[in-house]
Amino acid sequence: MLIMPGKSYQGTLPPLTPEESLLRDRLHRHVAVLAGEIGARNIADYGNLRQAAQYVATQLKETGLPVRELPYRVGTTIVVNIEAELKGQSRGDEIVVIGAHYDTVPGCPGANDNGSGIAALLELARLLHAAQPARTVRLVAFANEEPPYFQTETMGSLVYARALQQRGEKVVAMLSLETIGCYSDAPKSQQYPAPLNLFYPDTGNFIGFVSHLGSVSLLREVIGTFRRTTRFPSEGAATPERIPGVSWSDHWAFWQAGYPAVMVTDTAPFRYPDYHEPTDTPEKLDYDRMARVVMGIERVVEKLAGK
């Protein structure tokens, strides 16, 4: 396995700062709306999918960033990707994309998958809205990540990435925020597909950074920044795409367009017993640890975007 820069944080987590406490409460509220009030979000539950899209767009607009809804057709149905943009000051043609999908599998309220990722996306927009980065940052909520649309031409992130590719846009980094709310200090709470179980810890208390071999440079930069700036356990893996789970999110779509991309995840089914179940509900998530992770991701994005 490839060695990652820095070391995973070990030891007692520091108390939440006042900013992290506020962030925790805001993350909890977003997940409560998406998974508690709206519920399952997919074309089979189209009213809920539209309600979720409207919620995401409204929250992004409240940051003051320019927001675009990008509709596309799936058969006779219209779905939308939603994009907020923070324009780069000196290298605006270079783009950092932060993405998360807002849909769920049918019958699943999707608190962790992927209410947690969307909550993080919305709060990153709030935290970053007044920044003046060198590179352009786009925060994008994607439709149709889940089956039966996953890794098909109607997957929202693939539609979006292909459009960027066709316009010749220069994406230098993409982070996919995928299922980031479950953490456990219990031994043997973490599983892996073989052979990763030979190399990584069996306690599911860390945030994972995952890429294919073609994005290893970005992966090393991302996890290196996270470890330098954030006191929270972290693990990184760059593996062949054939390893189960490595390509299971929207970063895969950007690989298809030739862009470097990394998934940020709690590892989903390898840790979270309620993955894709009706029991994926808001009270299952660890919002304290989510807040720590999101603050760390903010620092990563600031480093990627430059000053």
C-alpha atoms as a PDB file:
ATOM      1  CA  MET A   1       0.000   0.000   0.000  1.00  0.00           C
ATOM      2  CA  LEU A   2       1.105   3.575  -0.638  1.00  0.00           C
ATOM      3  CA  ILE A   3       2.354   5.492   2.381  1.00  0.00           C
ATOM      4  CA  MET A   4       0.396   8.674   3.141  1.00  0.00           C
ATOM      5  CA  PRO A   5       2.067  11.859   4.438  1.00  0.00           C
ATOM      6  CA  GLY A   6       1.844  12.716   8.119  1.00  0.00           C
ATOM      7  CA  LYS A   7       0.313  10.588  10.841  1.00  0.00           C
ATOM      8  CA  SER A   8      -3.253   9.937  11.869  1.00  0.00           C
ATOM      9  CA  TYR A   9      -4.144  11.822  15.047  1.00  0.00           C
ATOM     10  CA  GLN A  10      -4.170   9.627  18.128  1.00  0.00           C
ATOM     11  CA  GLY A  11      -5.439  10.375  21.598  1.00  0.00           C
ATOM     12  CA  THR A  12      -8.313  12.259  23.184  1.00  0.00           C
ATOM     13  CA  LEU A  13     -10.172  14.652  20.919  1.00  0.00           C
ATOM     14  CA  PRO A  14      -9.953  18.275  22.073  1.00  0.00           C
ATOM     15  CA  PRO A  15     -13.144  20.027  23.237  1.00  0.00           C
ATOM     16  CA  LEU A  16     -15.257  21.549  20.498  1.00  0.00           C
ATOM     17  CA  THR A  17     -14.531  25.203  19.873  1.00  0.00           C
ATOM     18  CA  PRO A  18     -17.497  27.625  19.901  1.00  0.00           C
ATOM     19  CA  GLU A  19     -17.365  27.675  16.096  1.00  0.00           C
ATOM     20  CA  GLU A  20     -17.423  23.873  15.966  1.00  0.00           C
ATOM     21  CA  SER A  21     -20.346  23.761  18.406  1.00  0.00           C
ATOM     22  CA  LEU A  22     -22.337  26.099  16.155  1.00  0.00           C
ATOM     23  CA  LEU A  23     -21.356  24.020  13.150  1.00  0.00           C
ATOM     24  CA  ARG A  24     -22.481  20.825  14.905  1.00  0.00           C
ATOM     25  CA  ASP A  25     -25.929  22.277  15.516  1.00  0.00           C
ATOM     26  CA  ARG A  26     -26.257  23.493  11.929  1.00  0.00           C
ATOM     27  CA  LEU A  27     -25.179  20.130  10.521  1.00  0.00           C
ATOM     28  CA  HIS A  28     -27.748  18.416  12.739  1.00  0.00           C
ATOM     29  CA  ARG A  29     -30.483  20.748  11.518  1.00  0.00           C
ATOM     30  CA  HIS A  30     -29.724  20.115   7.836  1.00  0.00           C
ATOM     31  CA  VAL A  31     -29.797  16.348   8.351  1.00  0.00           C
ATOM     32  CA  ALA A  32     -33.020  16.620  10.364  1.00  0.00           C
ATOM     33  CA  VAL A  33     -34.705  18.477   7.499  1.00  0.00           C
ATOM     34  CA  LEU A  34     -33.428  16.207   4.740  1.00  0.00           C
ATOM     35  CA  ALA A  35     -33.855  12.835   6.446  1.00  0.00           C
ATOM     36  CA  GLY A  36     -36.421  13.609   9.151  1.00  0.00           C
ATOM     37  CA  GLU A  37     -38.827  16.037   7.488  1.00  0.00           C
ATOM     38  CA  ILE A  38     -38.377  15.257   3.772  1.00  0.00           C
ATOM     39  CA  GLY A  39     -37.316  11.602   3.815  1.00  0.00           C
ATOM     40  CA  ALA A  40     -36.475   9.358   0.872  1.00  0.00           C
ATOM     41  CA  ARG A  41     -35.271  11.453  -2.076  1.00  0.00           C
ATOM     42  CA  ASN A  42     -35.283   9.892  -5.534  1.00  0.00           C
ATOM     43  CA  ILE A  43     -37.281   9.819  -8.752  1.00  0.00           C
ATOM     44  CA  ALA A  44     -39.643   7.244  -7.203  1.00  0.00           C
ATOM     45  CA  ASP A  45     -40.269   9.842  -4.459  1.00  0.00           C
ATOM     46  CA  TYR A  46     -40.137  12.752  -6.883  1.00  0.00           C
ATOM     47  CA  GLY A  47     -41.899  15.290  -4.688  1.00  0.00           C
ATOM     48  CA  ASN A  48     -39.351  14.670  -1.954  1.00  0.00           C
ATOM     49  CA  LEU A  49     -36.483  14.897  -4.439  1.00  0.00           C
ATOM     50  CA  ARG A  50     -37.722  18.293  -5.632  1.00  0.00           C
ATOM     51  CA  GLN A  51     -38.264  19.480  -2.058  1.00  0.00           C
ATOM     52  CA  ALA A  52     -34.702  18.487  -1.182  1.00  0.00           C
ATOM     53  CA  ALA A  53     -33.340  20.290  -4.248  1.00  0.00           C
ATOM     54  CA  GLN A  54     -35.243  23.425  -3.267  1.00  0.00           C
ATOM     55  CA  TYR A  55     -33.908  23.230   0.282  1.00  0.00           C
ATOM     56  CA  VAL A  56     -30.328  22.882  -0.948  1.00  0.00           C
ATOM     57  CA  ALA A  57     -30.691  25.749  -3.419  1.00  0.00           C
ATOM     58  CA  THR A  58     -32.238  28.019  -0.780  1.00  0.00           C
ATOM     59  CA  GLN A  59     -29.512  27.274   1.746  1.00  0.00           C
ATOM     60  CA  LEU A  60     -26.779  27.931  -0.809  1.00  0.00           C
ATOM     61  CA  LYS A  61     -28.383  31.198  -1.899  1.00  0.00           C
ATOM     62  CA  GLU A  62     -28.489  32.376   1.716  1.00  0.00           C
ATOM     63  CA  THR A  63     -24.671  32.410   1.719  1.00  0.00           C
ATOM     64  CA  GLY A  64     -24.730  35.138  -0.923  1.00  0.00           C
ATOM     65  CA  LEU A  65     -22.877  33.023  -3.466  1.00  0.00           C
ATOM     66  CA  PRO A  66     -24.253  32.892  -7.015  1.00  0.00           C
ATOM     67  CA  VAL A  67     -26.243  29.683  -7.442  1.00  0.00           C
ATOM     68  CA  ARG A  68     -27.294  27.885 -10.620  1.00  0.00           C
ATOM     69  CA  GLU A  69     -29.786  25.062 -10.980  1.00  0.00           C
ATOM     70  CA  LEU A  70     -28.678  22.787 -13.821  1.00  0.00           C
ATOM     71  CA  PRO A  71     -31.606  20.655 -15.001  1.00  0.00           C
ATOM     72  CA  TYR A  72     -31.330  17.556 -17.147  1.00  0.00           C
ATOM     73  CA  ARG A  73     -33.778  14.938 -18.337  1.00  0.00           C
ATOM     74  CA  VAL A  74     -34.100  11.340 -17.179  1.00  0.00           C
ATOM     75  CA  GLY A  75     -36.711   9.862 -19.486  1.00  0.00           C
ATOM     76  CA  THR A  76     -39.714  12.142 -19.033  1.00  0.00           C
ATOM     77  CA  THR A  77     -38.508  13.454 -15.658  1.00  0.00           C
ATOM     78  CA  ILE A  78     -36.437  16.567 -14.966  1.00  0.00           C
ATOM     79  CA  VAL A  79     -33.849  16.463 -12.185  1.00  0.00           C
ATOM     80  CA  VAL A  80     -31.319  19.126 -11.220  1.00  0.00           C
ATOM     81  CA  ASN A  81     -27.753  19.525 -10.116  1.00  0.00           C
ATOM     82  CA  ILE A  82     -27.235  22.656  -8.012  1.00  0.00           C
ATOM     83  CA  GLU A  83     -24.020  24.693  -8.169  1.00  0.00           C
ATOM     84  CA  ALA A  84     -22.708  27.557  -6.041  1.00  0.00           C
ATOM     85  CA  GLU A  85     -19.535  29.310  -7.175  1.00  0.00           C
ATOM     86  CA  LEU A  86     -16.801  31.222  -5.373  1.00  0.00           C
ATOM     87  CA  LYS A  87     -14.805  32.887  -8.132  1.00  0.00           C
ATOM     88  CA  GLY A  88     -11.027  32.646  -8.067  1.00  0.00           C
ATOM     89  CA  GLN A  89      -9.068  35.887  -7.873  1.00  0.00           C
ATOM     90  CA  SER A  90      -5.850  35.138  -9.755  1.00  0.00           C
ATOM     91  CA  ARG A  91      -6.219  31.631 -11.213  1.00  0.00           C
ATOM     92  CA  GLY A  92      -9.944  31.598 -11.768  1.00  0.00           C
ATOM     93  CA  ASP A  93      -9.678  29.212 -14.713  1.00  0.00           C
ATOM     94  CA  GLU A  94      -8.464  26.505 -12.314  1.00  0.00           C
ATOM     95  CA  ILE A  95     -11.419  24.884 -10.554  1.00  0.00           C
ATOM     96  CA  VAL A  96     -11.793  23.005  -7.276  1.00  0.00           C
ATOM     97  CA  VAL A  97     -15.101  21.107  -7.117  1.00  0.00           C
ATOM     98  CA  ILE A  98     -16.642  20.044  -3.808  1.00  0.00           C
ATOM     99  CA  GLY A  99     -19.573  17.725  -4.410  1.00  0.00           C
ATOM    100  CA  ALA A 100     -22.171  15.614  -2.619  1.00  0.00           C
ATOM    101  CA  HIS A 101     -25.303  13.825  -3.787  1.00  0.00           C
ATOM    102  CA  TYR A 102     -28.675  14.712  -2.287  1.00  0.00           C
ATOM    103  CA  ASP A 103     -30.654  11.684  -3.448  1.00  0.00           C
ATOM    104  CA  THR A 104     -31.208   8.404  -1.581  1.00  0.00           C
ATOM    105  CA  VAL A 105     -32.166   4.858  -2.428  1.00  0.00           C
ATOM    106  CA  PRO A 106     -35.948   4.276  -2.366  1.00  0.00           C
ATOM    107  CA  GLY A 107     -37.366   3.739   1.097  1.00  0.00           C
ATOM    108  CA  CYS A 108     -34.327   5.156   2.861  1.00  0.00           C
ATOM    109  CA  PRO A 109     -34.407   8.547   4.630  1.00  0.00           C
ATOM    110  CA  GLY A 110     -30.674   8.886   4.006  1.00  0.00           C
ATOM    111  CA  ALA A 111     -29.423  10.673   7.102  1.00  0.00           C
ATOM    112  CA  ASN A 112     -25.871   9.454   6.653  1.00  0.00           C
ATOM    113  CA  ASP A 113     -26.123   8.545   2.962  1.00  0.00           C
ATOM    114  CA  ASN A 114     -26.051  11.271   2.072  1.00  0.00           C
ATOM    115  CA  GLY A 115     -27.674  13.859   4.289  1.00  0.00           C
ATOM    116  CA  SER A 116     -24.349  14.089   6.092  1.00  0.00           C
ATOM    117  CA  GLY A 117     -22.470  14.947   2.903  1.00  0.00           C
ATOM    118  CA  ILE A 118     -25.031  17.551   1.830  1.00  0.00           C
ATOM    119  CA  ALA A 119     -25.047  19.105   5.300  1.00  0.00           C
ATOM    120  CA  ALA A 120     -21.265  19.391   5.063  1.00  0.00           C
ATOM    121  CA  LEU A 121     -21.518  20.922   1.582  1.00  0.00           C
ATOM    122  CA  LEU A 122     -23.989  23.564   2.772  1.00  0.00           C
ATOM    123  CA  GLU A 123     -21.857  24.476   5.758  1.00  0.00           C
ATOM    124  CA  LEU A 124     -18.680  24.630   3.687  1.00  0.00           C
ATOM    125  CA  ALA A 125     -20.449  27.146   1.455  1.00  0.00           C
ATOM    126  CA  ARG A 126     -21.291  29.211   4.532  1.00  0.00           C
ATOM    127  CA  LEU A 127     -17.770  28.972   5.943  1.00  0.00           C
ATOM    128  CA  LEU A 128     -16.079  29.819   2.646  1.00  0.00           C
ATOM    129  CA  HIS A 129     -18.460  32.390   1.167  1.00  0.00           C
ATOM    130  CA  ALA A 130     -16.330  35.429   2.047  1.00  0.00           C
ATOM    131  CA  ALA A 131     -12.986  33.866   1.097  1.00  0.00           C
ATOM    132  CA  GLN A 132     -10.947  35.236  -1.783  1.00  0.00           C
ATOM    133  CA  PRO A 133      -9.267  32.129  -3.187  1.00  0.00           C
ATOM    134  CA  ALA A 134      -6.825  32.106  -6.054  1.00  0.00           C
ATOM    135  CA  ARG A 135      -8.717  29.270  -7.743  1.00  0.00           C
ATOM    136  CA  THR A 136     -12.439  29.045  -8.379  1.00  0.00           C
ATOM    137  CA  VAL A 137     -14.349  26.837  -5.930  1.00  0.00           C
ATOM    138  CA  ARG A 138     -17.620  25.233  -6.996  1.00  0.00           C
ATOM    139  CA  LEU A 139     -19.866  23.524  -4.466  1.00  0.00           C
ATOM    140  CA  VAL A 140     -22.234  21.165  -6.246  1.00  0.00           C
ATOM    141  CA  ALA A 141     -25.164  19.044  -5.059  1.00  0.00           C
ATOM    142  CA  PHE A 142     -25.779  16.152  -7.430  1.00  0.00           C
ATOM    143  CA  ALA A 143     -28.929  14.206  -8.286  1.00  0.00           C
ATOM    144  CA  ASN A 144     -29.087  10.498  -9.087  1.00  0.00           C
ATOM    145  CA  GLU A 145     -25.979   9.062  -7.480  1.00  0.00           C
ATOM    146  CA  GLU A 146     -27.892   6.070  -6.161  1.00  0.00           C
ATOM    147  CA  PRO A 147     -29.045   2.975  -8.102  1.00  0.00           C
ATOM    148  CA  PRO A 148     -30.512   2.504 -10.635  1.00  0.00           C
ATOM    149  CA  TYR A 149     -28.685   5.589 -11.951  1.00  0.00           C
ATOM    150  CA  PHE A 150     -25.284   4.956 -10.361  1.00  0.00           C
ATOM    151  CA  GLN A 151     -22.497   4.838 -12.963  1.00  0.00           C
ATOM    152  CA  THR A 152     -24.952   5.390 -15.816  1.00  0.00           C
ATOM    153  CA  GLU A 153     -25.309   8.297 -18.228  1.00  0.00           C
ATOM    154  CA  THR A 154     -28.062   9.794 -16.032  1.00  0.00           C
ATOM    155  CA  MET A 155     -25.941   9.964 -12.867  1.00  0.00           C
ATOM    156  CA  GLY A 156     -25.940  13.649 -11.920  1.00  0.00           C
ATOM    157  CA  SER A 157     -22.225  13.949 -11.288  1.00  0.00           C
ATOM    158  CA  LEU A 158     -21.401  12.273 -14.597  1.00  0.00           C
ATOM    159  CA  VAL A 159     -23.698  14.683 -16.447  1.00  0.00           C
ATOM    160  CA  TYR A 160     -21.944  17.564 -14.672  1.00  0.00           C
ATOM    161  CA  ALA A 161     -18.383  16.288 -15.173  1.00  0.00           C
ATOM    162  CA  ARG A 162     -18.976  15.545 -18.845  1.00  0.00           C
ATOM    163  CA  ALA A 163     -20.271  19.090 -19.357  1.00  0.00           C
ATOM    164  CA  LEU A 164     -17.101  20.485 -17.777  1.00  0.00           C
ATOM    165  CA  GLN A 165     -15.009  18.255 -20.003  1.00  0.00           C
ATOM    166  CA  GLN A 166     -16.874  19.318 -23.143  1.00  0.00           C
ATOM    167  CA  ARG A 167     -16.312  22.989 -22.291  1.00  0.00           C
ATOM    168  CA  GLY A 168     -12.627  22.343 -21.713  1.00  0.00           C
ATOM    169  CA  GLU A 169     -12.761  23.496 -18.096  1.00  0.00           C
ATOM    170  CA  LYS A 170      -9.693  22.838 -15.961  1.00  0.00           C
ATOM    171  CA  VAL A 171     -10.684  20.965 -12.809  1.00  0.00           C
ATOM    172  CA  VAL A 172      -7.564  20.599 -10.661  1.00  0.00           C
ATOM    173  CA  ALA A 173      -9.266  18.819  -7.759  1.00  0.00           C
ATOM    174  CA  MET A 174     -12.603  17.261  -6.836  1.00  0.00           C
ATOM    175  CA  LEU A 175     -13.683  16.123  -3.375  1.00  0.00           C
ATOM    176  CA  SER A 176     -16.774  13.936  -3.004  1.00  0.00           C
ATOM    177  CA  LEU A 177     -18.389  14.172   0.442  1.00  0.00           C
ATOM    178  CA  GLU A 178     -19.912  10.728   0.872  1.00  0.00           C
ATOM    179  CA  THR A 179     -21.496   9.398   4.074  1.00  0.00           C
ATOM    180  CA  ILE A 180     -19.407  11.116   6.768  1.00  0.00           C
ATOM    181  CA  GLY A 181     -21.467  10.822   9.971  1.00  0.00           C
ATOM    182  CA  CYS A 182     -20.723   7.446  11.618  1.00  0.00           C
ATOM    183  CA  TYR A 183     -17.827   6.941  14.060  1.00  0.00           C
ATOM    184  CA  SER A 184     -17.128   4.321  16.707  1.00  0.00           C
ATOM    185  CA  ASP A 185     -14.387   3.722  19.258  1.00  0.00           C
ATOM    186  CA  ALA A 186     -15.319   0.048  19.590  1.00  0.00           C
ATOM    187  CA  PRO A 187     -12.745  -2.539  18.491  1.00  0.00           C
ATOM    188  CA  LYS A 188     -13.738  -4.402  15.323  1.00  0.00           C
ATOM    189  CA  SER A 189     -16.245  -1.687  14.393  1.00  0.00           C
ATOM    190  CA  GLN A 190     -14.487  -1.221  11.038  1.00  0.00           C
ATOM    191  CA  GLN A 191     -14.574  -3.670   8.134  1.00  0.00           C
ATOM    192  CA  TYR A 192     -12.771  -3.582   4.771  1.00  0.00           C
ATOM    193  CA  PRO A 193     -12.772  -5.364   1.457  1.00  0.00           C
ATOM    194  CA  ALA A 194      -9.755  -7.621   1.059  1.00  0.00           C
ATOM    195  CA  PRO A 195      -6.861  -6.947   1.072  1.00  0.00           C
ATOM    196  CA  LEU A 196      -7.306  -3.573   2.816  1.00  0.00           C
ATOM    197  CA  ASN A 197      -8.096  -5.350   6.089  1.00  0.00           C
ATOM    198  CA  LEU A 198      -4.413  -6.289   6.267  1.00  0.00           C
ATOM    199  CA  PHE A 199      -3.248  -2.673   6.380  1.00  0.00           C
ATOM    200  CA  TYR A 200      -5.814  -0.519   8.183  1.00  0.00           C
ATOM    201  CA  PRO A 201      -7.166  -0.273  11.760  1.00  0.00           C
ATOM    202  CA  ASP A 202     -10.244  -2.211  12.893  1.00  0.00           C
ATOM    203  CA  THR A 203     -11.682   0.689  14.914  1.00  0.00           C
ATOM    204  CA  GLY A 204     -14.035   2.940  12.948  1.00  0.00           C
ATOM    205  CA  ASN A 205     -13.125   6.265  14.546  1.00  0.00           C
ATOM    206  CA  PHE A 206     -11.458   7.878  11.513  1.00  0.00           C
ATOM    207  CA  ILE A 207     -12.416   9.798   8.388  1.00  0.00           C
ATOM    208  CA  GLY A 208     -11.253   8.141   5.182  1.00  0.00           C
ATOM    209  CA  PHE A 209      -9.765   9.694   2.049  1.00  0.00           C
ATOM    210  CA  VAL A 210      -9.960   7.371  -0.956  1.00  0.00           C
ATOM    211  CA  SER A 211      -8.808   7.569  -4.572  1.00  0.00           C
ATOM    212  CA  HIS A 212      -7.713   5.468  -7.488  1.00  0.00           C
ATOM    213  CA  LEU A 213      -4.058   5.362  -8.449  1.00  0.00           C
ATOM    214  CA  GLY A 214      -4.500   8.150 -10.993  1.00  0.00           C
ATOM    215  CA  SER A 215      -5.422  10.642  -8.245  1.00  0.00           C
ATOM    216  CA  VAL A 216      -2.731   9.726  -5.733  1.00  0.00           C
ATOM    217  CA  SER A 217      -1.015  13.135  -5.917  1.00  0.00           C
ATOM    218  CA  LEU A 218      -4.260  14.882  -4.981  1.00  0.00           C
ATOM    219  CA  LEU A 219      -4.959  12.304  -2.273  1.00  0.00           C
ATOM    220  CA  ARG A 220      -1.567  12.883  -0.681  1.00  0.00           C
ATOM    221  CA  GLU A 221      -2.050  16.656  -0.745  1.00  0.00           C
ATOM    222  CA  VAL A 222      -5.525  16.386   0.778  1.00  0.00           C
ATOM    223  CA  ILE A 223      -4.699  14.006   3.618  1.00  0.00           C
ATOM    224  CA  GLY A 224      -1.402  15.766   4.280  1.00  0.00           C
ATOM    225  CA  THR A 225      -3.211  19.071   4.788  1.00  0.00           C
ATOM    226  CA  PHE A 226      -5.910  17.443   6.917  1.00  0.00           C
ATOM    227  CA  ARG A 227      -3.346  15.818   9.197  1.00  0.00           C
ATOM    228  CA  ARG A 228      -1.290  18.994   9.587  1.00  0.00           C
ATOM    229  CA  THR A 229      -4.268  21.129  10.510  1.00  0.00           C
ATOM    230  CA  THR A 230      -6.854  18.886  12.190  1.00  0.00           C
ATOM    231  CA  ARG A 231      -6.715  16.807  15.338  1.00  0.00           C
ATOM    232  CA  PHE A 232      -8.898  13.945  14.171  1.00  0.00           C
ATOM    233  CA  PRO A 233      -8.022  10.381  13.103  1.00  0.00           C
ATOM    234  CA  SER A 234      -7.652   9.913   9.349  1.00  0.00           C
ATOM    235  CA  GLU A 235      -6.693   7.181   6.911  1.00  0.00           C
ATOM    236  CA  GLY A 236      -5.892   7.380   3.211  1.00  0.00           C
ATOM    237  CA  ALA A 237      -5.996   4.748   0.485  1.00  0.00           C
ATOM    238  CA  ALA A 238      -5.145   4.857  -3.218  1.00  0.00           C
ATOM    239  CA  THR A 239      -6.068   1.529  -4.763  1.00  0.00           C
ATOM    240  CA  PRO A 240      -7.110  -0.022  -8.075  1.00  0.00           C
ATOM    241  CA  GLU A 241     -10.724   0.698  -8.941  1.00  0.00           C
ATOM    242  CA  ARG A 242     -11.571  -3.002  -8.802  1.00  0.00           C
ATOM    243  CA  ILE A 243     -11.410  -2.931  -4.988  1.00  0.00           C
ATOM    244  CA  PRO A 244     -15.059  -2.799  -3.777  1.00  0.00           C
ATOM    245  CA  GLY A 245     -16.078   0.620  -2.499  1.00  0.00           C
ATOM    246  CA  VAL A 246     -13.255   2.651  -4.023  1.00  0.00           C
ATOM    247  CA  SER A 247     -15.426   4.024  -6.836  1.00  0.00           C
ATOM    248  CA  TRP A 248     -18.764   4.141  -4.980  1.00  0.00           C
ATOM    249  CA  SER A 249     -19.559   7.845  -5.181  1.00  0.00           C
ATOM    250  CA  ASP A 250     -19.488  10.942  -7.347  1.00  0.00           C
ATOM    251  CA  HIS A 251     -15.689  11.122  -7.558  1.00  0.00           C
ATOM    252  CA  TRP A 252     -15.964   8.209 -10.007  1.00  0.00           C
ATOM    253  CA  ALA A 253     -17.706  10.497 -12.502  1.00  0.00           C
ATOM    254  CA  PHE A 254     -14.793  12.916 -12.472  1.00  0.00           C
ATOM    255  CA  TRP A 255     -12.356  10.069 -13.094  1.00  0.00           C
ATOM    256  CA  GLN A 256     -14.335   9.306 -16.259  1.00  0.00           C
ATOM    257  CA  ALA A 257     -13.720  12.877 -17.426  1.00  0.00           C
ATOM    258  CA  GLY A 258     -10.004  12.659 -16.662  1.00  0.00           C
ATOM    259  CA  TYR A 259     -10.086  14.845 -13.550  1.00  0.00           C
ATOM    260  CA  PRO A 260      -8.318  14.057 -10.246  1.00  0.00           C
ATOM    261  CA  ALA A 261     -10.842  13.263  -7.520  1.00  0.00           C
ATOM    262  CA  VAL A 262     -10.931  11.949  -3.951  1.00  0.00           C
ATOM    263  CA  MET A 263     -13.790  10.568  -1.858  1.00  0.00           C
ATOM    264  CA  VAL A 264     -14.108  11.716   1.765  1.00  0.00           C
ATOM    265  CA  THR A 265     -16.058   9.081   3.697  1.00  0.00           C
ATOM    266  CA  ASP A 266     -16.677   7.203   6.917  1.00  0.00           C
ATOM    267  CA  THR A 267     -16.510   4.115   4.622  1.00  0.00           C
ATOM    268  CA  ALA A 268     -20.313   3.674   4.564  1.00  0.00           C
ATOM    269  CA  PRO A 269     -21.271  -0.071   4.487  1.00  0.00           C
ATOM    270  CA  PHE A 270     -17.906  -1.094   5.900  1.00  0.00           C
ATOM    271  CA  ARG A 271     -18.783   0.667   9.165  1.00  0.00           C
ATOM    272  CA  TYR A 272     -22.389   1.854   9.170  1.00  0.00           C
ATOM    273  CA  PRO A 273     -24.967  -0.910   9.810  1.00  0.00           C
ATOM    274  CA  ASP A 274     -27.882   1.258   8.638  1.00  0.00           C
ATOM    275  CA  TYR A 275     -26.454   1.892   5.155  1.00  0.00           C
ATOM    276  CA  HIS A 276     -29.249   1.892   2.541  1.00  0.00           C
ATOM    277  CA  GLU A 277     -31.789   0.891   5.194  1.00  0.00           C
ATOM    278  CA  PRO A 278     -35.003   2.552   6.434  1.00  0.00           C
ATOM    279  CA  THR A 279     -33.127   2.924   9.739  1.00  0.00           C
ATOM    280  CA  ASP A 280     -30.629   5.465   8.303  1.00  0.00           C
ATOM    281  CA  THR A 281     -32.143   8.190  10.485  1.00  0.00           C
ATOM    282  CA  PRO A 282     -30.794  11.451  11.957  1.00  0.00           C
ATOM    283  CA  GLU A 283     -30.244  10.248  15.533  1.00  0.00           C
ATOM    284  CA  LYS A 284     -27.712   7.648  14.326  1.00  0.00           C
ATOM    285  CA  LEU A 285     -25.092  10.263  13.405  1.00  0.00           C
ATOM    286  CA  ASP A 286     -22.242  11.651  15.510  1.00  0.00           C
ATOM    287  CA  TYR A 287     -22.556  15.402  14.951  1.00  0.00           C
ATOM    288  CA  ASP A 288     -19.683  16.341  17.252  1.00  0.00           C
ATOM    289  CA  ARG A 289     -17.248  14.363  15.147  1.00  0.00           C
ATOM    290  CA  MET A 290     -18.880  15.479  11.924  1.00  0.00           C
ATOM    291  CA  ALA A 291     -18.230  19.085  12.921  1.00  0.00           C
ATOM    292  CA  ARG A 292     -14.549  18.366  13.516  1.00  0.00           C
ATOM    293  CA  VAL A 293     -14.287  16.674  10.132  1.00  0.00           C
ATOM    294  CA  VAL A 294     -16.045  19.493   8.280  1.00  0.00           C
ATOM    295  CA  MET A 295     -13.754  22.093   9.834  1.00  0.00           C
ATOM    296  CA  GLY A 296     -10.820  19.999   8.669  1.00  0.00           C
ATOM    297  CA  ILE A 297     -12.246  19.772   5.156  1.00  0.00           C
ATOM    298  CA  GLU A 298     -12.648  23.549   5.111  1.00  0.00           C
ATOM    299  CA  ARG A 299      -8.906  23.875   5.750  1.00  0.00           C
ATOM    300  CA  VAL A 300      -8.210  21.373   2.978  1.00  0.00           C
ATOM    301  CA  VAL A 301     -10.352  23.342   0.525  1.00  0.00           C
ATOM    302  CA  GLU A 302      -8.647  26.594   1.482  1.00  0.00           C
ATOM    303  CA  LYS A 303      -5.271  24.980   0.798  1.00  0.00           C
ATOM    304  CA  LEU A 304      -6.413  23.517  -2.523  1.00  0.00           C
ATOM    305  CA  ALA A 305      -7.923  26.819  -3.641  1.00  0.00           C
ATOM    306  CA  GLY A 306      -4.903  28.894  -2.643  1.00  0.00           C
ATOM    307  CA  LYS A 307      -4.688  32.554  -1.768  1.00  0.00           C
END
